[in-house]
Amino acid sequence: MKIYAPDGRIGVPPKPRAPSPAVLTGLRVAVLDNGKPNARLLLTRAAEQLAARTGAVVELVTDKGPGHNAATACSDLVLDRITEEVDLVLTGSAD
């Protein structure tokens, strides 16, 4: 008789998320359009409302880069730009 452990294999532990800032005043916000229908409009409006309520600034609205869609990661160029230019990113939407 062979007994299998129900917990499966142990993988690499997940990396923790960056801590959320306590105050958004003065932070630079980006919108990363994930390619879903109306994502840019929805996320841009949400970013504008967030900025109006908190004193943050919408600094960048962009897509993932040429040839990228909702199922792919953004290009390294876009990721580098976001890393250098903003403090907070809004992205993602569902159908």
PDB file of N, CA and C in Angstrom:
ATOM      1  N   MET A   1       0.850  -1.159   0.000  1.00  0.00           N
ATOM      2  CA  MET A   1       0.000   0.000   0.000  1.00  0.00           C
ATOM      3  C   MET A   1       0.905   1.235   0.000  1.00  0.00           C
ATOM      4  N   LYS A   2       0.531   2.208  -0.832  1.00  0.00           N
ATOM      5  CA  LYS A   2       1.268   3.460  -0.916  1.00  0.00           C
ATOM      6  C   LYS A   2       0.364   4.582  -0.409  1.00  0.00           C
ATOM      7  N   ILE A   3       0.904   5.404   0.472  1.00  0.00           N
ATOM      8  CA  ILE A   3       0.129   6.518   1.020  1.00  0.00           C
ATOM      9  C   ILE A   3       0.711   7.813   0.475  1.00  0.00           C
ATOM     10  N   TYR A   4      -0.154   8.663  -0.061  1.00  0.00           N
ATOM     11  CA  TYR A   4       0.269   9.944  -0.631  1.00  0.00           C
ATOM     12  C   TYR A   4      -0.095  11.077   0.314  1.00  0.00           C
ATOM     13  N   ALA A   5       0.807  12.027   0.444  1.00  0.00           N
ATOM     14  CA  ALA A   5       0.527  13.195   1.269  1.00  0.00           C
ATOM     15  C   ALA A   5      -0.472  14.094   0.540  1.00  0.00           C
ATOM     16  N   PRO A   6      -1.527  14.551   1.206  1.00  0.00           N
ATOM     17  CA  PRO A   6      -2.551  15.368   0.542  1.00  0.00           C
ATOM     18  C   PRO A   6      -2.130  16.811   0.274  1.00  0.00           C
ATOM     19  N   ASP A   7      -0.995  17.226   0.820  1.00  0.00           N
ATOM     20  CA  ASP A   7      -0.612  18.626   0.664  1.00  0.00           C
ATOM     21  C   ASP A   7       0.191  18.910  -0.597  1.00  0.00           C
ATOM     22  N   GLY A   8       0.540  17.907  -1.352  1.00  0.00           N
ATOM     23  CA  GLY A   8       1.238  18.130  -2.616  1.00  0.00           C
ATOM     24  C   GLY A   8       2.687  18.536  -2.406  1.00  0.00           C
ATOM     25  N   ARG A   9       3.311  18.967  -3.486  1.00  0.00           N
ATOM     26  CA  ARG A   9       4.706  19.374  -3.429  1.00  0.00           C
ATOM     27  C   ARG A   9       4.836  20.788  -2.887  1.00  0.00           C
ATOM     28  N   ILE A  10       5.933  21.019  -2.249  1.00  0.00           N
ATOM     29  CA  ILE A  10       6.215  22.349  -1.719  1.00  0.00           C
ATOM     30  C   ILE A  10       6.943  23.141  -2.797  1.00  0.00           C
ATOM     31  N   GLY A  11       6.428  24.300  -3.122  1.00  0.00           N
ATOM     32  CA  GLY A  11       7.028  25.149  -4.144  1.00  0.00           C
ATOM     33  C   GLY A  11       7.714  26.349  -3.524  1.00  0.00           C
ATOM     34  N   VAL A  12       8.040  27.286  -4.369  1.00  0.00           N
ATOM     35  CA  VAL A  12       8.659  28.520  -3.914  1.00  0.00           C
ATOM     36  C   VAL A  12       7.595  29.362  -3.208  1.00  0.00           C
ATOM     37  N   PRO A  13       7.883  29.863  -2.020  1.00  0.00           N
ATOM     38  CA  PRO A  13       6.870  30.674  -1.322  1.00  0.00           C
ATOM     39  C   PRO A  13       6.553  31.940  -2.114  1.00  0.00           C
ATOM     40  N   PRO A  14       5.301  32.391  -2.076  1.00  0.00           N
ATOM     41  CA  PRO A  14       4.937  33.605  -2.813  1.00  0.00           C
ATOM     42  C   PRO A  14       5.648  34.814  -2.233  1.00  0.00           C
ATOM     43  N   LYS A  15       5.900  35.786  -3.094  1.00  0.00           N
ATOM     44  CA  LYS A  15       6.517  37.032  -2.641  1.00  0.00           C
ATOM     45  C   LYS A  15       5.432  37.924  -2.046  1.00  0.00           C
ATOM     46  N   PRO A  16       5.741  38.601  -0.959  1.00  0.00           N
ATOM     47  CA  PRO A  16       4.724  39.482  -0.354  1.00  0.00           C
ATOM     48  C   PRO A  16       4.464  40.701  -1.232  1.00  0.00           C
ATOM     49  N   ARG A  17       3.259  41.214  -1.146  1.00  0.00           N
ATOM     50  CA  ARG A  17       2.909  42.438  -1.864  1.00  0.00           C
ATOM     51  C   ARG A  17       3.575  43.632  -1.195  1.00  0.00           C
ATOM     52  N   ALA A  18       3.763  44.662  -1.979  1.00  0.00           N
ATOM     53  CA  ALA A  18       4.301  45.902  -1.421  1.00  0.00           C
ATOM     54  C   ALA A  18       3.269  46.476  -0.457  1.00  0.00           C
ATOM     55  N   PRO A  19       3.702  47.085   0.618  1.00  0.00           N
ATOM     56  CA  PRO A  19       2.736  47.666   1.558  1.00  0.00           C
ATOM     57  C   PRO A  19       1.990  48.832   0.919  1.00  0.00           C
ATOM     58  N   SER A  20       0.732  48.967   1.286  1.00  0.00           N
ATOM     59  CA  SER A  20      -0.070  50.085   0.789  1.00  0.00           C
ATOM     60  C   SER A  20       0.339  51.360   1.503  1.00  0.00           C
ATOM     61  N   PRO A  21       0.413  52.467   0.767  1.00  0.00           N
ATOM     62  CA  PRO A  21       0.753  53.734   1.433  1.00  0.00           C
ATOM     63  C   PRO A  21      -0.392  54.182   2.339  1.00  0.00           C
ATOM     64  N   ALA A  22      -0.041  54.783   3.458  1.00  0.00           N
ATOM     65  CA  ALA A  22      -1.054  55.249   4.409  1.00  0.00           C
ATOM     66  C   ALA A  22      -1.804  56.462   3.872  1.00  0.00           C
ATOM     67  N   VAL A  23      -1.112  57.309   3.103  1.00  0.00           N
ATOM     68  CA  VAL A  23      -1.698  58.531   2.560  1.00  0.00           C
ATOM     69  C   VAL A  23      -1.347  58.611   1.076  1.00  0.00           C
ATOM     70  N   LEU A  24      -2.316  58.967   0.245  1.00  0.00           N
ATOM     71  CA  LEU A  24      -2.092  59.039  -1.195  1.00  0.00           C
ATOM     72  C   LEU A  24      -1.768  60.453  -1.682  1.00  0.00           C
ATOM     73  N   THR A  25      -1.884  61.434  -0.816  1.00  0.00           N
ATOM     74  CA  THR A  25      -1.630  62.824  -1.203  1.00  0.00           C
ATOM     75  C   THR A  25      -0.257  62.961  -1.847  1.00  0.00           C
ATOM     76  N   GLY A  26      -0.246  63.516  -3.060  1.00  0.00           N
ATOM     77  CA  GLY A  26       0.996  63.754  -3.771  1.00  0.00           C
ATOM     78  C   GLY A  26       1.557  62.559  -4.521  1.00  0.00           C
ATOM     79  N   LEU A  27       0.967  61.383  -4.347  1.00  0.00           N
ATOM     80  CA  LEU A  27       1.474  60.218  -5.074  1.00  0.00           C
ATOM     81  C   LEU A  27       1.072  60.275  -6.535  1.00  0.00           C
ATOM     82  N   ARG A  28       1.907  59.721  -7.380  1.00  0.00           N
ATOM     83  CA  ARG A  28       1.659  59.692  -8.822  1.00  0.00           C
ATOM     84  C   ARG A  28       0.996  58.363  -9.180  1.00  0.00           C
ATOM     85  N   VAL A  29      -0.127  58.438  -9.888  1.00  0.00           N
ATOM     86  CA  VAL A  29      -0.929  57.269 -10.225  1.00  0.00           C
ATOM     87  C   VAL A  29      -0.820  56.981 -11.720  1.00  0.00           C
ATOM     88  N   ALA A  30      -0.726  55.698 -12.064  1.00  0.00           N
ATOM     89  CA  ALA A  30      -0.752  55.269 -13.460  1.00  0.00           C
ATOM     90  C   ALA A  30      -1.956  54.379 -13.694  1.00  0.00           C
ATOM     91  N   VAL A  31      -2.440  54.407 -14.915  1.00  0.00           N
ATOM     92  CA  VAL A  31      -3.460  53.470 -15.380  1.00  0.00           C
ATOM     93  C   VAL A  31      -2.783  52.587 -16.408  1.00  0.00           C
ATOM     94  N   LEU A  32      -2.815  51.278 -16.185  1.00  0.00           N
ATOM     95  CA  LEU A  32      -2.281  50.315 -17.145  1.00  0.00           C
ATOM     96  C   LEU A  32      -3.462  49.587 -17.769  1.00  0.00           C
ATOM     97  N   ASP A  33      -3.802  49.969 -18.985  1.00  0.00           N
ATOM     98  CA  ASP A  33      -4.910  49.361 -19.732  1.00  0.00           C
ATOM     99  C   ASP A  33      -4.534  47.925 -20.048  1.00  0.00           C
ATOM    100  N   ASN A  34      -5.342  46.986 -19.588  1.00  0.00           N
ATOM    101  CA  ASN A  34      -5.019  45.581 -19.799  1.00  0.00           C
ATOM    102  C   ASN A  34      -5.559  45.024 -21.115  1.00  0.00           C
ATOM    103  N   GLY A  35      -6.190  45.855 -21.921  1.00  0.00           N
ATOM    104  CA  GLY A  35      -6.659  45.399 -23.227  1.00  0.00           C
ATOM    105  C   GLY A  35      -8.092  44.901 -23.250  1.00  0.00           C
ATOM    106  N   LYS A  36      -8.748  44.826 -22.111  1.00  0.00           N
ATOM    107  CA  LYS A  36     -10.149  44.412 -22.088  1.00  0.00           C
ATOM    108  C   LYS A  36     -11.018  45.563 -22.585  1.00  0.00           C
ATOM    109  N   PRO A  37     -12.198  45.246 -23.138  1.00  0.00           N
ATOM    110  CA  PRO A  37     -13.083  46.298 -23.622  1.00  0.00           C
ATOM    111  C   PRO A  37     -13.421  47.303 -22.505  1.00  0.00           C
ATOM    112  N   ASN A  38     -13.258  48.566 -22.795  1.00  0.00           N
ATOM    113  CA  ASN A  38     -13.579  49.676 -21.889  1.00  0.00           C
ATOM    114  C   ASN A  38     -12.699  49.754 -20.640  1.00  0.00           C
ATOM    115  N   ALA A  39     -11.645  48.955 -20.565  1.00  0.00           N
ATOM    116  CA  ALA A  39     -10.769  48.986 -19.384  1.00  0.00           C
ATOM    117  C   ALA A  39     -10.134  50.359 -19.217  1.00  0.00           C
ATOM    118  N   ARG A  40      -9.647  50.937 -20.309  1.00  0.00           N
ATOM    119  CA  ARG A  40      -8.988  52.247 -20.208  1.00  0.00           C
ATOM    120  C   ARG A  40      -9.949  53.291 -19.651  1.00  0.00           C
ATOM    121  N   LEU A  41     -11.175  53.337 -20.169  1.00  0.00           N
ATOM    122  CA  LEU A  41     -12.166  54.302 -19.704  1.00  0.00           C
ATOM    123  C   LEU A  41     -12.490  54.077 -18.229  1.00  0.00           C
ATOM    124  N   LEU A  42     -12.780  52.850 -17.861  1.00  0.00           N
ATOM    125  CA  LEU A  42     -13.141  52.521 -16.484  1.00  0.00           C
ATOM    126  C   LEU A  42     -12.008  52.862 -15.517  1.00  0.00           C
ATOM    127  N   LEU A  43     -10.797  52.425 -15.839  1.00  0.00           N
ATOM    128  CA  LEU A  43      -9.666  52.639 -14.940  1.00  0.00           C
ATOM    129  C   LEU A  43      -9.253  54.105 -14.869  1.00  0.00           C
ATOM    130  N   THR A  44      -9.348  54.824 -15.994  1.00  0.00           N
ATOM    131  CA  THR A  44      -9.000  56.247 -15.989  1.00  0.00           C
ATOM    132  C   THR A  44      -9.983  57.030 -15.134  1.00  0.00           C
ATOM    133  N   ARG A  45     -11.242  56.740 -15.264  1.00  0.00           N
ATOM    134  CA  ARG A  45     -12.249  57.424 -14.423  1.00  0.00           C
ATOM    135  C   ARG A  45     -12.032  57.106 -12.954  1.00  0.00           C
ATOM    136  N   ALA A  46     -11.727  55.841 -12.646  1.00  0.00           N
ATOM    137  CA  ALA A  46     -11.458  55.465 -11.251  1.00  0.00           C
ATOM    138  C   ALA A  46     -10.232  56.212 -10.727  1.00  0.00           C
ATOM    139  N   ALA A  47      -9.188  56.311 -11.548  1.00  0.00           N
ATOM    140  CA  ALA A  47      -7.970  57.024 -11.143  1.00  0.00           C
ATOM    141  C   ALA A  47      -8.253  58.502 -10.924  1.00  0.00           C
ATOM    142  N   GLU A  48      -9.050  59.092 -11.799  1.00  0.00           N
ATOM    143  CA  GLU A  48      -9.397  60.510 -11.634  1.00  0.00           C
ATOM    144  C   GLU A  48     -10.181  60.747 -10.349  1.00  0.00           C
ATOM    145  N   GLN A  49     -11.112  59.863 -10.041  1.00  0.00           N
ATOM    146  CA  GLN A  49     -11.888  59.984  -8.803  1.00  0.00           C
ATOM    147  C   GLN A  49     -10.986  59.799  -7.583  1.00  0.00           C
ATOM    148  N   LEU A  50     -10.094  58.831  -7.659  1.00  0.00           N
ATOM    149  CA  LEU A  50      -9.143  58.601  -6.571  1.00  0.00           C
ATOM    150  C   LEU A  50      -8.279  59.836  -6.347  1.00  0.00           C
ATOM    151  N   ALA A  51      -7.792  60.411  -7.430  1.00  0.00           N
ATOM    152  CA  ALA A  51      -6.950  61.609  -7.334  1.00  0.00           C
ATOM    153  C   ALA A  51      -7.728  62.778  -6.739  1.00  0.00           C
ATOM    154  N   ALA A  52      -8.961  62.955  -7.182  1.00  0.00           N
ATOM    155  CA  ALA A  52      -9.776  64.064  -6.683  1.00  0.00           C
ATOM    156  C   ALA A  52     -10.057  63.936  -5.181  1.00  0.00           C
ATOM    157  N   ARG A  53     -10.217  62.716  -4.704  1.00  0.00           N
ATOM    158  CA  ARG A  53     -10.539  62.497  -3.291  1.00  0.00           C
ATOM    159  C   ARG A  53      -9.327  62.518  -2.371  1.00  0.00           C
ATOM    160  N   THR A  54      -8.147  62.199  -2.929  1.00  0.00           N
ATOM    161  CA  THR A  54      -6.991  61.989  -2.053  1.00  0.00           C
ATOM    162  C   THR A  54      -5.851  62.975  -2.253  1.00  0.00           C
ATOM    163  N   GLY A  55      -5.872  63.725  -3.344  1.00  0.00           N
ATOM    164  CA  GLY A  55      -4.759  64.616  -3.622  1.00  0.00           C
ATOM    165  C   GLY A  55      -3.639  63.959  -4.403  1.00  0.00           C
ATOM    166  N   ALA A  56      -3.881  62.761  -4.888  1.00  0.00           N
ATOM    167  CA  ALA A  56      -2.914  62.097  -5.770  1.00  0.00           C
ATOM    168  C   ALA A  56      -3.010  62.743  -7.145  1.00  0.00           C
ATOM    169  N   VAL A  57      -2.107  62.381  -8.062  1.00  0.00           N
ATOM    170  CA  VAL A  57      -2.074  62.949  -9.401  1.00  0.00           C
ATOM    171  C   VAL A  57      -2.038  61.816 -10.414  1.00  0.00           C
ATOM    172  N   VAL A  58      -2.942  61.854 -11.407  1.00  0.00           N
ATOM    173  CA  VAL A  58      -2.898  60.863 -12.490  1.00  0.00           C
ATOM    174  C   VAL A  58      -1.767  61.283 -13.424  1.00  0.00           C
ATOM    175  N   GLU A  59      -0.699  60.526 -13.418  1.00  0.00           N
ATOM    176  CA  GLU A  59       0.516  60.882 -14.123  1.00  0.00           C
ATOM    177  C   GLU A  59       0.654  60.187 -15.474  1.00  0.00           C
ATOM    178  N   LEU A  60       0.109  58.974 -15.590  1.00  0.00           N
ATOM    179  CA  LEU A  60       0.360  58.165 -16.781  1.00  0.00           C
ATOM    180  C   LEU A  60      -0.840  57.278 -17.081  1.00  0.00           C
ATOM    181  N   VAL A  61      -1.256  57.254 -18.343  1.00  0.00           N
ATOM    182  CA  VAL A  61      -2.268  56.311 -18.827  1.00  0.00           C
ATOM    183  C   VAL A  61      -1.640  55.624 -20.029  1.00  0.00           C
ATOM    184  N   THR A  62      -1.482  54.299 -19.958  1.00  0.00           N
ATOM    185  CA  THR A  62      -0.787  53.573 -21.014  1.00  0.00           C
ATOM    186  C   THR A  62      -1.375  52.182 -21.200  1.00  0.00           C
ATOM    187  N   ASP A  63      -0.989  51.536 -22.282  1.00  0.00           N
ATOM    188  CA  ASP A  63      -1.353  50.137 -22.471  1.00  0.00           C
ATOM    189  C   ASP A  63      -0.110  49.285 -22.247  1.00  0.00           C
ATOM    190  N   LYS A  64      -0.212  47.987 -22.487  1.00  0.00           N
ATOM    191  CA  LYS A  64       0.879  47.067 -22.195  1.00  0.00           C
ATOM    192  C   LYS A  64       2.016  47.109 -23.207  1.00  0.00           C
ATOM    193  N   GLY A  65       1.801  47.749 -24.320  1.00  0.00           N
ATOM    194  CA  GLY A  65       2.832  47.826 -25.346  1.00  0.00           C
ATOM    195  C   GLY A  65       2.383  47.118 -26.615  1.00  0.00           C
ATOM    196  N   PRO A  66       3.090  47.339 -27.714  1.00  0.00           N
ATOM    197  CA  PRO A  66       2.704  46.745 -29.005  1.00  0.00           C
ATOM    198  C   PRO A  66       2.638  45.221 -28.943  1.00  0.00           C
ATOM    199  N   GLY A  67       1.568  44.679 -29.485  1.00  0.00           N
ATOM    200  CA  GLY A  67       1.420  43.225 -29.568  1.00  0.00           C
ATOM    201  C   GLY A  67       0.964  42.550 -28.291  1.00  0.00           C
ATOM    202  N   HIS A  68       0.688  43.313 -27.236  1.00  0.00           N
ATOM    203  CA  HIS A  68       0.254  42.716 -25.978  1.00  0.00           C
ATOM    204  C   HIS A  68      -1.255  42.812 -25.859  1.00  0.00           C
ATOM    205  N   ASN A  69      -1.842  41.840 -25.143  1.00  0.00           N
ATOM    206  CA  ASN A  69      -3.291  41.827 -24.958  1.00  0.00           C
ATOM    207  C   ASN A  69      -3.613  41.469 -23.510  1.00  0.00           C
ATOM    208  N   ALA A  70      -4.875  41.222 -23.231  1.00  0.00           N
ATOM    209  CA  ALA A  70      -5.308  40.960 -21.861  1.00  0.00           C
ATOM    210  C   ALA A  70      -4.655  39.719 -21.261  1.00  0.00           C
ATOM    211  N   ALA A  71      -4.201  38.793 -22.093  1.00  0.00           N
ATOM    212  CA  ALA A  71      -3.628  37.543 -21.597  1.00  0.00           C
ATOM    213  C   ALA A  71      -2.107  37.589 -21.446  1.00  0.00           C
ATOM    214  N   THR A  72      -1.490  38.696 -21.783  1.00  0.00           N
ATOM    215  CA  THR A  72      -0.031  38.769 -21.722  1.00  0.00           C
ATOM    216  C   THR A  72       0.423  39.843 -20.741  1.00  0.00           C
ATOM    217  N   ALA A  73       1.651  39.691 -20.291  1.00  0.00           N
ATOM    218  CA  ALA A  73       2.242  40.701 -19.397  1.00  0.00           C
ATOM    219  C   ALA A  73       2.624  41.925 -20.213  1.00  0.00           C
ATOM    220  N   CYS A  74       2.806  43.046 -19.544  1.00  0.00           N
ATOM    221  CA  CYS A  74       3.212  44.251 -20.267  1.00  0.00           C
ATOM    222  C   CYS A  74       4.679  44.136 -20.687  1.00  0.00           C
ATOM    223  N   SER A  75       5.049  44.945 -21.653  1.00  0.00           N
ATOM    224  CA  SER A  75       6.421  44.923 -22.153  1.00  0.00           C
ATOM    225  C   SER A  75       7.374  45.431 -21.071  1.00  0.00           C
ATOM    226  N   ASP A  76       8.638  45.054 -21.184  1.00  0.00           N
ATOM    227  CA  ASP A  76       9.648  45.524 -20.240  1.00  0.00           C
ATOM    228  C   ASP A  76       9.771  47.043 -20.286  1.00  0.00           C
ATOM    229  N   LEU A  77       9.625  47.619 -21.474  1.00  0.00           N
ATOM    230  CA  LEU A  77       9.715  49.072 -21.626  1.00  0.00           C
ATOM    231  C   LEU A  77       8.617  49.771 -20.820  1.00  0.00           C
ATOM    232  N   VAL A  78       7.394  49.260 -20.916  1.00  0.00           N
ATOM    233  CA  VAL A  78       6.272  49.845 -20.164  1.00  0.00           C
ATOM    234  C   VAL A  78       6.481  49.628 -18.672  1.00  0.00           C
ATOM    235  N   LEU A  79       6.913  48.451 -18.272  1.00  0.00           N
ATOM    236  CA  LEU A  79       7.151  48.171 -16.854  1.00  0.00           C
ATOM    237  C   LEU A  79       8.236  49.089 -16.289  1.00  0.00           C
ATOM    238  N   ASP A  80       9.303  49.293 -17.044  1.00  0.00           N
ATOM    239  CA  ASP A  80      10.362  50.210 -16.602  1.00  0.00           C
ATOM    240  C   ASP A  80       9.840  51.628 -16.446  1.00  0.00           C
ATOM    241  N   ARG A  81       9.028  52.054 -17.405  1.00  0.00           N
ATOM    242  CA  ARG A  81       8.472  53.415 -17.335  1.00  0.00           C
ATOM    243  C   ARG A  81       7.584  53.577 -16.105  1.00  0.00           C
ATOM    244  N   ILE A  82       6.742  52.600 -15.843  1.00  0.00           N
ATOM    245  CA  ILE A  82       5.860  52.653 -14.673  1.00  0.00           C
ATOM    246  C   ILE A  82       6.696  52.691 -13.393  1.00  0.00           C
ATOM    247  N   THR A  83       7.714  51.857 -13.330  1.00  0.00           N
ATOM    248  CA  THR A  83       8.574  51.800 -12.148  1.00  0.00           C
ATOM    249  C   THR A  83       9.238  53.133 -11.856  1.00  0.00           C
ATOM    250  N   GLU A  84       9.642  53.836 -12.903  1.00  0.00           N
ATOM    251  CA  GLU A  84      10.356  55.104 -12.738  1.00  0.00           C
ATOM    252  C   GLU A  84       9.439  56.303 -12.516  1.00  0.00           C
ATOM    253  N   GLU A  85       8.246  56.289 -13.108  1.00  0.00           N
ATOM    254  CA  GLU A  85       7.425  57.498 -13.156  1.00  0.00           C
ATOM    255  C   GLU A  85       6.270  57.574 -12.165  1.00  0.00           C
ATOM    256  N   VAL A  86       5.860  56.461 -11.579  1.00  0.00           N
ATOM    257  CA  VAL A  86       4.669  56.512 -10.722  1.00  0.00           C
ATOM    258  C   VAL A  86       4.868  55.741  -9.422  1.00  0.00           C
ATOM    259  N   ASP A  87       3.934  55.980  -8.500  1.00  0.00           N
ATOM    260  CA  ASP A  87       3.980  55.335  -7.190  1.00  0.00           C
ATOM    261  C   ASP A  87       2.898  54.268  -7.016  1.00  0.00           C
ATOM    262  N   LEU A  88       1.838  54.370  -7.811  1.00  0.00           N
ATOM    263  CA  LEU A  88       0.671  53.508  -7.655  1.00  0.00           C
ATOM    264  C   LEU A  88       0.102  53.205  -9.029  1.00  0.00           C
ATOM    265  N   VAL A  89      -0.294  51.945  -9.276  1.00  0.00           N
ATOM    266  CA  VAL A  89      -0.818  51.548 -10.585  1.00  0.00           C
ATOM    267  C   VAL A  89      -2.200  50.939 -10.419  1.00  0.00           C
ATOM    268  N   LEU A  90      -3.144  51.390 -11.247  1.00  0.00           N
ATOM    269  CA  LEU A  90      -4.457  50.755 -11.334  1.00  0.00           C
ATOM    270  C   LEU A  90      -4.482  49.947 -12.622  1.00  0.00           C
ATOM    271  N   THR A  91      -4.828  48.679 -12.526  1.00  0.00           N
ATOM    272  CA  THR A  91      -4.927  47.838 -13.713  1.00  0.00           C
ATOM    273  C   THR A  91      -5.904  46.716 -13.441  1.00  0.00           C
ATOM    274  N   GLY A  92      -6.361  46.088 -14.508  1.00  0.00           N
ATOM    275  CA  GLY A  92      -7.230  44.933 -14.404  1.00  0.00           C
ATOM    276  C   GLY A  92      -8.706  45.289 -14.418  1.00  0.00           C
ATOM    277  N   SER A  93      -9.447  44.503 -15.150  1.00  0.00           N
ATOM    278  CA  SER A  93     -10.901  44.582 -15.154  1.00  0.00           C
ATOM    279  C   SER A  93     -11.396  43.270 -15.726  1.00  0.00           C
ATOM    280  N   ALA A  94     -12.596  42.935 -15.421  1.00  0.00           N
ATOM    281  CA  ALA A  94     -13.187  41.704 -15.927  1.00  0.00           C
ATOM    282  C   ALA A  94     -14.253  42.030 -16.952  1.00  0.00           C
ATOM    283  N   ASP A  95     -14.628  41.035 -17.716  1.00  0.00           N
ATOM    284  CA  ASP A  95     -15.666  41.242 -18.728  1.00  0.00           C
ATOM    285  C   ASP A  95     -17.022  41.382 -18.087  1.00  0.00           C
TER     286      ASP A  95
END
